[in-house]
Amino acid sequence: MEEKKAKLEAALYLAEEPVTRKEIADIMNLGSIGYVDMLIQEFEEMLEEEHRGLEIIHTDEGYEMKVKKDHIDEVSHLAPHQDLNSGEIRTLSLIAYNAPVEQANIIEIRGNRAYQHVKELVSRGFVDKEKDGRTAILDVTDFFLDYFNIEEVDEFKENFEDEIEIEK
C-alpha cells in the first residue's frame, strides 16, 4: 500500500494538469476506481496526520497536489509559478496581456477548461472578475503584480512581446 501511495504522490507531483481517477487507475494498473478513491482518501489522511505542507485538491477535471495555502506566502519565492499548473499560467498570461478582457474572449481562445482556470485564479487573488451582462470582465490584481514582481501591467506586456520576438 505504501508503494502505491508513493506512486500516487509522484504522479500528482509531476502532473501539469489535474489527473483523473481513470488515469490514476491506469498508471497503477488498478482495475477499480473504488480502490483509487480509497487510496486517495488514505493519502489525504496521511498528509493531514503528518502535518505535511502539501494537500490534494479535487477539481472537476481530477486531482492535483498543491502547497497548502497557509504555506504559500513563505515558500512561493523558491519556485515561482510551480503552484499554478501550466493551463492556469497560460490563461493568466492571456488575461494579463489583454487586460481588461471579457471572459468570453478568454474562453473562446483557451476553451471550456478556462472556466476552471479563471475560478482558481480569482480564488487565489491573481484576477478580478466583474460581472458585465452575460459575460464578465477580467483584470489582473495588485497581488498578480507583486507575485510576479512587476510594477504595472504594461511592463508584463512589454516583457511578453520581447519573449515573442526572441522566439520568432
N, C-alpha and C. Protein backbone atom coordinates (compact mmCIF):
# COMPACT_ATOMS: atom_id res chain seq x y z
N MET A 1 0.83 -1.19 0.00
CA MET A 1 0.00 0.00 0.00
C MET A 1 0.87 1.26 0.00
N GLU A 2 1.97 1.24 0.77
CA GLU A 2 2.85 2.42 0.84
C GLU A 2 3.47 2.71 -0.52
N GLU A 3 3.80 1.66 -1.27
CA GLU A 3 4.36 1.85 -2.61
C GLU A 3 3.35 2.52 -3.53
N LYS A 4 2.09 2.14 -3.41
CA LYS A 4 1.03 2.74 -4.23
C LYS A 4 0.84 4.21 -3.86
N LYS A 5 0.91 4.52 -2.57
CA LYS A 5 0.80 5.92 -2.15
C LYS A 5 1.96 6.74 -2.70
N ALA A 6 3.15 6.14 -2.68
CA ALA A 6 4.33 6.83 -3.21
C ALA A 6 4.18 7.10 -4.71
N LYS A 7 3.63 6.12 -5.43
CA LYS A 7 3.42 6.29 -6.87
C LYS A 7 2.35 7.35 -7.13
N LEU A 8 1.29 7.36 -6.32
CA LEU A 8 0.25 8.38 -6.43
C LEU A 8 0.85 9.76 -6.19
N GLU A 9 1.66 9.88 -5.15
CA GLU A 9 2.30 11.16 -4.83
C GLU A 9 3.17 11.63 -6.00
N ALA A 10 3.95 10.74 -6.57
CA ALA A 10 4.82 11.09 -7.70
C ALA A 10 4.00 11.54 -8.91
N ALA A 11 2.92 10.83 -9.19
CA ALA A 11 2.07 11.18 -10.35
C ALA A 11 1.44 12.56 -10.17
N LEU A 12 0.89 12.82 -8.99
CA LEU A 12 0.24 14.11 -8.74
C LEU A 12 1.26 15.24 -8.72
N TYR A 13 2.45 14.96 -8.23
CA TYR A 13 3.50 15.98 -8.16
C TYR A 13 3.97 16.39 -9.56
N LEU A 14 4.12 15.43 -10.43
CA LEU A 14 4.66 15.70 -11.77
C LEU A 14 3.62 16.23 -12.76
N ALA A 15 2.37 15.94 -12.53
CA ALA A 15 1.33 16.29 -13.50
C ALA A 15 1.16 17.81 -13.61
N GLU A 16 1.10 18.29 -14.85
CA GLU A 16 0.86 19.71 -15.09
C GLU A 16 -0.62 20.05 -15.01
N GLU A 17 -1.46 19.09 -15.28
CA GLU A 17 -2.92 19.28 -15.25
C GLU A 17 -3.49 18.29 -14.23
N PRO A 18 -4.72 18.52 -13.79
CA PRO A 18 -5.34 17.55 -12.88
C PRO A 18 -5.36 16.15 -13.47
N VAL A 19 -5.18 15.15 -12.62
CA VAL A 19 -5.13 13.75 -13.03
C VAL A 19 -6.47 13.12 -12.66
N THR A 20 -7.10 12.46 -13.63
CA THR A 20 -8.40 11.84 -13.38
C THR A 20 -8.23 10.52 -12.62
N ARG A 21 -9.32 10.05 -12.05
CA ARG A 21 -9.30 8.76 -11.35
C ARG A 21 -8.92 7.64 -12.32
N LYS A 22 -9.42 7.71 -13.55
CA LYS A 22 -9.09 6.68 -14.54
C LYS A 22 -7.59 6.70 -14.86
N GLU A 23 -7.02 7.90 -15.01
CA GLU A 23 -5.58 8.00 -15.28
C GLU A 23 -4.78 7.41 -14.12
N ILE A 24 -5.21 7.68 -12.90
CA ILE A 24 -4.53 7.11 -11.73
C ILE A 24 -4.63 5.59 -11.75
N ALA A 25 -5.82 5.07 -12.04
CA ALA A 25 -6.01 3.62 -12.12
C ALA A 25 -5.11 3.02 -13.19
N ASP A 26 -4.99 3.68 -14.35
CA ASP A 26 -4.15 3.18 -15.43
C ASP A 26 -2.67 3.19 -15.04
N ILE A 27 -2.22 4.29 -14.43
CA ILE A 27 -0.81 4.41 -14.02
C ILE A 27 -0.44 3.30 -13.05
N MET A 28 -1.36 2.96 -12.18
CA MET A 28 -1.08 2.00 -11.12
C MET A 28 -1.55 0.59 -11.45
N ASN A 29 -2.06 0.41 -12.66
CA ASN A 29 -2.57 -0.90 -13.07
C ASN A 29 -3.64 -1.41 -12.11
N LEU A 30 -4.55 -0.53 -11.75
CA LEU A 30 -5.66 -0.89 -10.87
C LEU A 30 -6.92 -1.03 -11.71
N GLY A 31 -7.70 -2.02 -11.43
CA GLY A 31 -8.93 -2.22 -12.18
C GLY A 31 -10.12 -1.48 -11.60
N SER A 32 -10.00 -1.04 -10.36
CA SER A 32 -11.14 -0.50 -9.65
C SER A 32 -10.97 0.99 -9.35
N ILE A 33 -11.95 1.78 -9.79
CA ILE A 33 -11.98 3.20 -9.45
C ILE A 33 -12.21 3.35 -7.94
N GLY A 34 -12.98 2.43 -7.36
CA GLY A 34 -13.21 2.46 -5.92
C GLY A 34 -11.91 2.34 -5.13
N TYR A 35 -10.99 1.53 -5.64
CA TYR A 35 -9.69 1.39 -4.99
C TYR A 35 -8.91 2.69 -5.09
N VAL A 36 -9.03 3.38 -6.22
CA VAL A 36 -8.38 4.68 -6.40
C VAL A 36 -8.92 5.67 -5.37
N ASP A 37 -10.23 5.69 -5.21
CA ASP A 37 -10.85 6.59 -4.22
C ASP A 37 -10.32 6.31 -2.82
N MET A 38 -10.22 5.03 -2.46
CA MET A 38 -9.71 4.64 -1.15
C MET A 38 -8.25 5.08 -0.98
N LEU A 39 -7.46 4.87 -2.03
CA LEU A 39 -6.04 5.23 -1.99
C LEU A 39 -5.87 6.75 -1.82
N ILE A 40 -6.65 7.52 -2.57
CA ILE A 40 -6.59 8.98 -2.46
C ILE A 40 -6.99 9.42 -1.05
N GLN A 41 -8.06 8.84 -0.53
CA GLN A 41 -8.52 9.19 0.81
C GLN A 41 -7.45 8.89 1.86
N GLU A 42 -6.83 7.72 1.76
CA GLU A 42 -5.78 7.36 2.72
C GLU A 42 -4.58 8.29 2.59
N PHE A 43 -4.24 8.65 1.36
CA PHE A 43 -3.11 9.56 1.14
C PHE A 43 -3.41 10.94 1.72
N GLU A 44 -4.65 11.43 1.50
CA GLU A 44 -5.05 12.72 2.07
C GLU A 44 -4.97 12.69 3.60
N GLU A 45 -5.43 11.60 4.19
CA GLU A 45 -5.39 11.47 5.66
C GLU A 45 -3.95 11.45 6.16
N MET A 46 -3.06 10.77 5.43
CA MET A 46 -1.66 10.71 5.81
C MET A 46 -1.04 12.12 5.76
N LEU A 47 -1.33 12.86 4.69
CA LEU A 47 -0.80 14.22 4.57
C LEU A 47 -1.26 15.09 5.74
N GLU A 48 -2.52 14.94 6.11
CA GLU A 48 -3.08 15.73 7.21
C GLU A 48 -2.50 15.30 8.56
N GLU A 49 -2.46 13.99 8.82
CA GLU A 49 -1.96 13.49 10.10
C GLU A 49 -0.50 13.85 10.33
N GLU A 50 0.28 13.84 9.25
CA GLU A 50 1.71 14.14 9.37
C GLU A 50 2.01 15.63 9.24
N HIS A 51 0.94 16.44 9.15
CA HIS A 51 1.08 17.90 9.03
C HIS A 51 2.03 18.29 7.90
N ARG A 52 1.84 17.64 6.77
CA ARG A 52 2.67 17.91 5.60
C ARG A 52 2.28 19.24 4.98
N GLY A 53 3.15 19.82 4.18
CA GLY A 53 2.92 21.11 3.55
C GLY A 53 2.14 21.03 2.26
N LEU A 54 1.76 19.83 1.86
CA LEU A 54 1.03 19.63 0.61
C LEU A 54 -0.36 19.09 0.90
N GLU A 55 -1.25 19.31 -0.06
CA GLU A 55 -2.60 18.77 0.05
C GLU A 55 -3.07 18.36 -1.34
N ILE A 56 -4.04 17.47 -1.36
CA ILE A 56 -4.65 17.05 -2.63
C ILE A 56 -5.90 17.89 -2.83
N ILE A 57 -5.99 18.47 -4.02
CA ILE A 57 -7.14 19.30 -4.39
C ILE A 57 -7.95 18.54 -5.43
N HIS A 58 -9.26 18.45 -5.22
CA HIS A 58 -10.16 17.81 -6.18
C HIS A 58 -10.86 18.88 -6.99
N THR A 59 -10.75 18.80 -8.32
CA THR A 59 -11.45 19.71 -9.22
C THR A 59 -12.35 18.89 -10.13
N ASP A 60 -13.12 19.56 -10.96
CA ASP A 60 -13.96 18.85 -11.92
C ASP A 60 -13.13 18.01 -12.88
N GLU A 61 -11.88 18.44 -13.13
CA GLU A 61 -11.02 17.73 -14.08
C GLU A 61 -10.26 16.57 -13.45
N GLY A 62 -10.14 16.54 -12.12
CA GLY A 62 -9.40 15.47 -11.48
C GLY A 62 -8.75 15.93 -10.19
N TYR A 63 -7.58 15.35 -9.90
CA TYR A 63 -6.87 15.62 -8.65
C TYR A 63 -5.54 16.29 -8.92
N GLU A 64 -5.17 17.22 -8.02
CA GLU A 64 -3.89 17.90 -8.09
C GLU A 64 -3.28 17.91 -6.69
N MET A 65 -1.97 17.99 -6.64
CA MET A 65 -1.30 18.16 -5.37
C MET A 65 -0.69 19.56 -5.37
N LYS A 66 -1.00 20.32 -4.33
CA LYS A 66 -0.52 21.70 -4.24
C LYS A 66 -0.01 21.98 -2.84
N VAL A 67 0.78 23.05 -2.76
CA VAL A 67 1.23 23.53 -1.46
C VAL A 67 0.01 24.07 -0.71
N LYS A 68 -0.09 23.75 0.57
CA LYS A 68 -1.20 24.27 1.37
C LYS A 68 -1.16 25.79 1.37
N LYS A 69 -2.35 26.39 1.33
CA LYS A 69 -2.45 27.84 1.24
C LYS A 69 -1.74 28.55 2.39
N ASP A 70 -1.74 27.97 3.59
CA ASP A 70 -1.09 28.66 4.70
C ASP A 70 0.44 28.61 4.62
N HIS A 71 1.01 27.91 3.63
CA HIS A 71 2.46 27.88 3.44
C HIS A 71 2.91 28.63 2.19
N ILE A 72 2.00 28.97 1.31
CA ILE A 72 2.34 29.59 0.02
C ILE A 72 3.20 30.83 0.19
N ASP A 73 2.78 31.75 1.06
CA ASP A 73 3.49 33.01 1.21
C ASP A 73 4.96 32.81 1.59
N GLU A 74 5.23 31.83 2.43
CA GLU A 74 6.60 31.61 2.90
C GLU A 74 7.49 30.92 1.87
N VAL A 75 6.92 30.15 0.96
CA VAL A 75 7.76 29.34 0.07
C VAL A 75 7.62 29.64 -1.42
N SER A 76 6.65 30.43 -1.82
CA SER A 76 6.41 30.62 -3.25
C SER A 76 7.60 31.24 -3.97
N HIS A 77 8.41 32.03 -3.27
CA HIS A 77 9.57 32.65 -3.90
C HIS A 77 10.62 31.62 -4.30
N LEU A 78 10.58 30.44 -3.71
CA LEU A 78 11.56 29.40 -4.03
C LEU A 78 11.31 28.76 -5.39
N ALA A 79 10.06 28.68 -5.76
CA ALA A 79 9.71 28.05 -7.04
C ALA A 79 8.54 28.80 -7.65
N PRO A 80 8.79 30.03 -8.12
CA PRO A 80 7.67 30.80 -8.67
C PRO A 80 6.99 30.03 -9.79
N HIS A 81 5.71 30.15 -9.85
CA HIS A 81 4.86 29.57 -10.88
C HIS A 81 4.58 28.08 -10.66
N GLN A 82 5.25 27.41 -9.72
CA GLN A 82 5.04 25.98 -9.53
C GLN A 82 3.70 25.66 -8.89
N ASP A 83 3.12 26.64 -8.21
CA ASP A 83 1.84 26.37 -7.56
C ASP A 83 0.66 26.57 -8.50
N LEU A 84 0.93 27.02 -9.72
CA LEU A 84 -0.10 27.11 -10.76
C LEU A 84 0.23 26.07 -11.82
N ASN A 85 -0.78 25.38 -12.33
CA ASN A 85 -0.48 24.42 -13.39
C ASN A 85 -0.30 25.17 -14.71
N SER A 86 0.20 24.49 -15.72
CA SER A 86 0.52 25.16 -16.98
C SER A 86 -0.71 25.76 -17.65
N GLY A 87 -1.86 25.11 -17.54
CA GLY A 87 -3.08 25.67 -18.11
C GLY A 87 -3.47 26.97 -17.44
N GLU A 88 -3.35 27.01 -16.11
CA GLU A 88 -3.67 28.23 -15.36
C GLU A 88 -2.69 29.35 -15.72
N ILE A 89 -1.43 29.01 -15.88
CA ILE A 89 -0.43 30.02 -16.25
C ILE A 89 -0.72 30.58 -17.63
N ARG A 90 -1.07 29.71 -18.58
CA ARG A 90 -1.39 30.18 -19.93
C ARG A 90 -2.62 31.10 -19.92
N THR A 91 -3.64 30.69 -19.17
CA THR A 91 -4.85 31.51 -19.07
C THR A 91 -4.54 32.84 -18.40
N LEU A 92 -3.76 32.81 -17.33
CA LEU A 92 -3.39 34.04 -16.63
C LEU A 92 -2.58 34.96 -17.54
N SER A 93 -1.67 34.40 -18.32
CA SER A 93 -0.87 35.21 -19.25
C SER A 93 -1.76 35.89 -20.27
N LEU A 94 -2.72 35.16 -20.79
CA LEU A 94 -3.64 35.72 -21.78
C LEU A 94 -4.48 36.84 -21.17
N ILE A 95 -4.95 36.63 -19.95
CA ILE A 95 -5.73 37.67 -19.26
C ILE A 95 -4.86 38.90 -19.05
N ALA A 96 -3.65 38.71 -18.54
CA ALA A 96 -2.76 39.84 -18.24
C ALA A 96 -2.41 40.61 -19.50
N TYR A 97 -2.14 39.90 -20.58
CA TYR A 97 -1.74 40.57 -21.81
C TYR A 97 -2.88 41.39 -22.41
N ASN A 98 -4.11 40.92 -22.25
CA ASN A 98 -5.27 41.58 -22.85
C ASN A 98 -6.09 42.41 -21.85
N ALA A 99 -5.68 42.44 -20.60
CA ALA A 99 -6.47 43.08 -19.54
C ALA A 99 -6.75 44.55 -19.82
N PRO A 100 -7.95 44.99 -19.45
CA PRO A 100 -9.11 44.19 -19.07
C PRO A 100 -9.70 43.49 -20.29
N VAL A 101 -10.25 42.30 -20.07
CA VAL A 101 -10.72 41.47 -21.18
C VAL A 101 -12.00 40.75 -20.77
N GLU A 102 -12.89 40.54 -21.74
CA GLU A 102 -14.11 39.79 -21.47
C GLU A 102 -13.77 38.31 -21.29
N GLN A 103 -14.39 37.70 -20.29
CA GLN A 103 -14.17 36.28 -20.05
C GLN A 103 -14.53 35.46 -21.29
N ALA A 104 -15.56 35.86 -22.01
CA ALA A 104 -15.98 35.13 -23.22
C ALA A 104 -14.83 35.04 -24.22
N ASN A 105 -14.03 36.09 -24.33
CA ASN A 105 -12.88 36.06 -25.26
C ASN A 105 -11.83 35.06 -24.81
N ILE A 106 -11.61 34.99 -23.51
CA ILE A 106 -10.63 34.04 -22.97
C ILE A 106 -11.10 32.61 -23.21
N ILE A 107 -12.39 32.35 -22.97
CA ILE A 107 -12.94 31.01 -23.16
C ILE A 107 -12.88 30.62 -24.63
N GLU A 108 -13.15 31.56 -25.51
CA GLU A 108 -13.09 31.29 -26.95
C GLU A 108 -11.69 30.85 -27.36
N ILE A 109 -10.68 31.48 -26.80
CA ILE A 109 -9.30 31.16 -27.15
C ILE A 109 -8.80 29.91 -26.43
N ARG A 110 -9.07 29.80 -25.13
CA ARG A 110 -8.50 28.73 -24.30
C ARG A 110 -9.40 27.51 -24.16
N GLY A 111 -10.69 27.64 -24.49
CA GLY A 111 -11.60 26.51 -24.37
C GLY A 111 -12.28 26.49 -23.01
N ASN A 112 -13.19 25.53 -22.84
CA ASN A 112 -14.02 25.47 -21.64
C ASN A 112 -13.24 25.24 -20.35
N ARG A 113 -12.06 24.62 -20.44
CA ARG A 113 -11.26 24.42 -19.22
C ARG A 113 -10.89 25.75 -18.58
N ALA A 114 -10.88 26.81 -19.38
CA ALA A 114 -10.51 28.13 -18.85
C ALA A 114 -11.49 28.61 -17.79
N TYR A 115 -12.74 28.12 -17.81
CA TYR A 115 -13.68 28.49 -16.74
C TYR A 115 -13.10 28.10 -15.38
N GLN A 116 -12.57 26.88 -15.29
CA GLN A 116 -11.97 26.41 -14.04
C GLN A 116 -10.70 27.20 -13.73
N HIS A 117 -9.92 27.49 -14.77
CA HIS A 117 -8.70 28.28 -14.55
C HIS A 117 -9.05 29.65 -13.96
N VAL A 118 -10.05 30.32 -14.56
CA VAL A 118 -10.46 31.64 -14.08
C VAL A 118 -10.94 31.55 -12.64
N LYS A 119 -11.73 30.53 -12.35
CA LYS A 119 -12.23 30.34 -10.98
C LYS A 119 -11.07 30.22 -10.00
N GLU A 120 -10.08 29.42 -10.35
CA GLU A 120 -8.91 29.24 -9.49
C GLU A 120 -8.10 30.53 -9.36
N LEU A 121 -7.91 31.23 -10.49
CA LEU A 121 -7.13 32.46 -10.47
C LEU A 121 -7.81 33.55 -9.65
N VAL A 122 -9.14 33.60 -9.71
CA VAL A 122 -9.89 34.56 -8.89
C VAL A 122 -9.77 34.18 -7.42
N SER A 123 -9.94 32.89 -7.11
CA SER A 123 -9.88 32.46 -5.71
C SER A 123 -8.48 32.66 -5.12
N ARG A 124 -7.45 32.59 -5.95
CA ARG A 124 -6.07 32.78 -5.49
C ARG A 124 -5.66 34.24 -5.46
N GLY A 125 -6.54 35.12 -5.99
CA GLY A 125 -6.27 36.55 -5.92
C GLY A 125 -5.48 37.13 -7.07
N PHE A 126 -5.23 36.35 -8.13
CA PHE A 126 -4.49 36.85 -9.28
C PHE A 126 -5.35 37.70 -10.21
N VAL A 127 -6.66 37.40 -10.23
CA VAL A 127 -7.57 38.01 -11.21
C VAL A 127 -8.81 38.54 -10.49
N ASP A 128 -9.25 39.72 -10.92
CA ASP A 128 -10.55 40.27 -10.51
C ASP A 128 -11.56 39.94 -11.59
N LYS A 129 -12.78 39.64 -11.18
CA LYS A 129 -13.85 39.29 -12.12
C LYS A 129 -15.06 40.14 -11.78
N GLU A 130 -15.46 40.99 -12.73
CA GLU A 130 -16.63 41.86 -12.55
C GLU A 130 -17.69 41.46 -13.57
N LYS A 131 -18.90 41.17 -13.10
CA LYS A 131 -20.00 40.79 -13.99
C LYS A 131 -20.32 41.95 -14.93
N ASP A 132 -20.52 41.63 -16.21
CA ASP A 132 -20.86 42.63 -17.22
C ASP A 132 -21.85 42.00 -18.20
N GLY A 133 -23.14 42.09 -17.86
CA GLY A 133 -24.16 41.46 -18.70
C GLY A 133 -24.04 39.96 -18.65
N ARG A 134 -23.94 39.33 -19.83
CA ARG A 134 -23.86 37.87 -19.91
C ARG A 134 -22.44 37.34 -19.74
N THR A 135 -21.48 38.22 -19.69
CA THR A 135 -20.10 37.79 -19.51
C THR A 135 -19.53 38.48 -18.28
N ALA A 136 -18.23 38.44 -18.13
CA ALA A 136 -17.56 39.12 -17.03
C ALA A 136 -16.30 39.76 -17.58
N ILE A 137 -15.88 40.82 -16.94
CA ILE A 137 -14.63 41.48 -17.31
C ILE A 137 -13.55 40.99 -16.35
N LEU A 138 -12.44 40.52 -16.91
CA LEU A 138 -11.33 40.00 -16.12
C LEU A 138 -10.17 40.99 -16.17
N ASP A 139 -9.53 41.15 -15.04
CA ASP A 139 -8.36 42.03 -14.95
C ASP A 139 -7.43 41.46 -13.90
N VAL A 140 -6.15 41.76 -14.01
CA VAL A 140 -5.20 41.28 -13.01
C VAL A 140 -5.25 42.18 -11.78
N THR A 141 -4.79 41.65 -10.67
CA THR A 141 -4.85 42.35 -9.38
C THR A 141 -3.45 42.86 -8.99
N ASP A 142 -3.43 43.63 -7.93
CA ASP A 142 -2.14 44.06 -7.37
C ASP A 142 -1.35 42.85 -6.88
N PHE A 143 -2.05 41.83 -6.39
CA PHE A 143 -1.37 40.61 -5.96
C PHE A 143 -0.62 39.97 -7.13
N PHE A 144 -1.24 39.96 -8.32
CA PHE A 144 -0.58 39.45 -9.53
C PHE A 144 0.72 40.21 -9.76
N LEU A 145 0.66 41.53 -9.69
CA LEU A 145 1.85 42.36 -9.92
C LEU A 145 2.93 42.06 -8.88
N ASP A 146 2.54 41.96 -7.62
CA ASP A 146 3.50 41.66 -6.55
C ASP A 146 4.10 40.26 -6.73
N TYR A 147 3.25 39.30 -7.03
CA TYR A 147 3.69 37.91 -7.15
C TYR A 147 4.74 37.75 -8.24
N PHE A 148 4.52 38.43 -9.36
CA PHE A 148 5.44 38.32 -10.49
C PHE A 148 6.47 39.46 -10.50
N ASN A 149 6.49 40.23 -9.41
CA ASN A 149 7.46 41.32 -9.26
C ASN A 149 7.43 42.28 -10.44
N ILE A 150 6.23 42.74 -10.76
CA ILE A 150 6.00 43.66 -11.88
C ILE A 150 5.41 44.95 -11.32
N GLU A 151 5.89 46.08 -11.82
CA GLU A 151 5.37 47.37 -11.36
C GLU A 151 3.98 47.65 -11.91
N GLU A 152 3.78 47.36 -13.19
CA GLU A 152 2.48 47.61 -13.83
C GLU A 152 2.27 46.64 -14.98
N VAL A 153 1.04 46.50 -15.41
CA VAL A 153 0.69 45.51 -16.43
C VAL A 153 1.43 45.79 -17.74
N ASP A 154 1.65 47.05 -18.07
CA ASP A 154 2.37 47.37 -19.31
C ASP A 154 3.76 46.75 -19.33
N GLU A 155 4.40 46.66 -18.17
CA GLU A 155 5.72 46.03 -18.07
C GLU A 155 5.61 44.55 -18.46
N PHE A 156 4.55 43.88 -17.99
CA PHE A 156 4.31 42.48 -18.36
C PHE A 156 4.14 42.37 -19.87
N LYS A 157 3.33 43.26 -20.44
CA LYS A 157 3.06 43.21 -21.88
C LYS A 157 4.35 43.40 -22.68
N GLU A 158 5.21 44.34 -22.25
CA GLU A 158 6.48 44.57 -22.94
C GLU A 158 7.37 43.34 -22.86
N ASN A 159 7.49 42.76 -21.67
CA ASN A 159 8.31 41.55 -21.50
C ASN A 159 7.76 40.40 -22.32
N PHE A 160 6.44 40.28 -22.36
CA PHE A 160 5.79 39.22 -23.13
C PHE A 160 6.10 39.40 -24.62
N GLU A 161 6.00 40.63 -25.11
CA GLU A 161 6.29 40.91 -26.52
C GLU A 161 7.75 40.64 -26.83
N ASP A 162 8.66 40.98 -25.89
CA ASP A 162 10.08 40.69 -26.09
C ASP A 162 10.32 39.19 -26.22
N GLU A 163 9.65 38.39 -25.39
CA GLU A 163 9.78 36.94 -25.46
C GLU A 163 9.29 36.40 -26.79
N ILE A 164 8.19 36.94 -27.27
CA ILE A 164 7.65 36.50 -28.57
C ILE A 164 8.64 36.83 -29.67
N GLU A 165 9.25 38.01 -29.62
CA GLU A 165 10.24 38.42 -30.63
C GLU A 165 11.42 37.45 -30.63
N ILE A 166 11.89 37.07 -29.45
CA ILE A 166 13.03 36.16 -29.34
C ILE A 166 12.70 34.81 -29.96
N GLU A 167 11.48 34.33 -29.79
CA GLU A 167 11.09 33.02 -30.30
C GLU A 167 10.85 33.01 -31.80
N LYS A 168 10.64 34.17 -32.42
CA LYS A 168 10.36 34.21 -33.86
C LYS A 168 11.58 33.87 -34.68
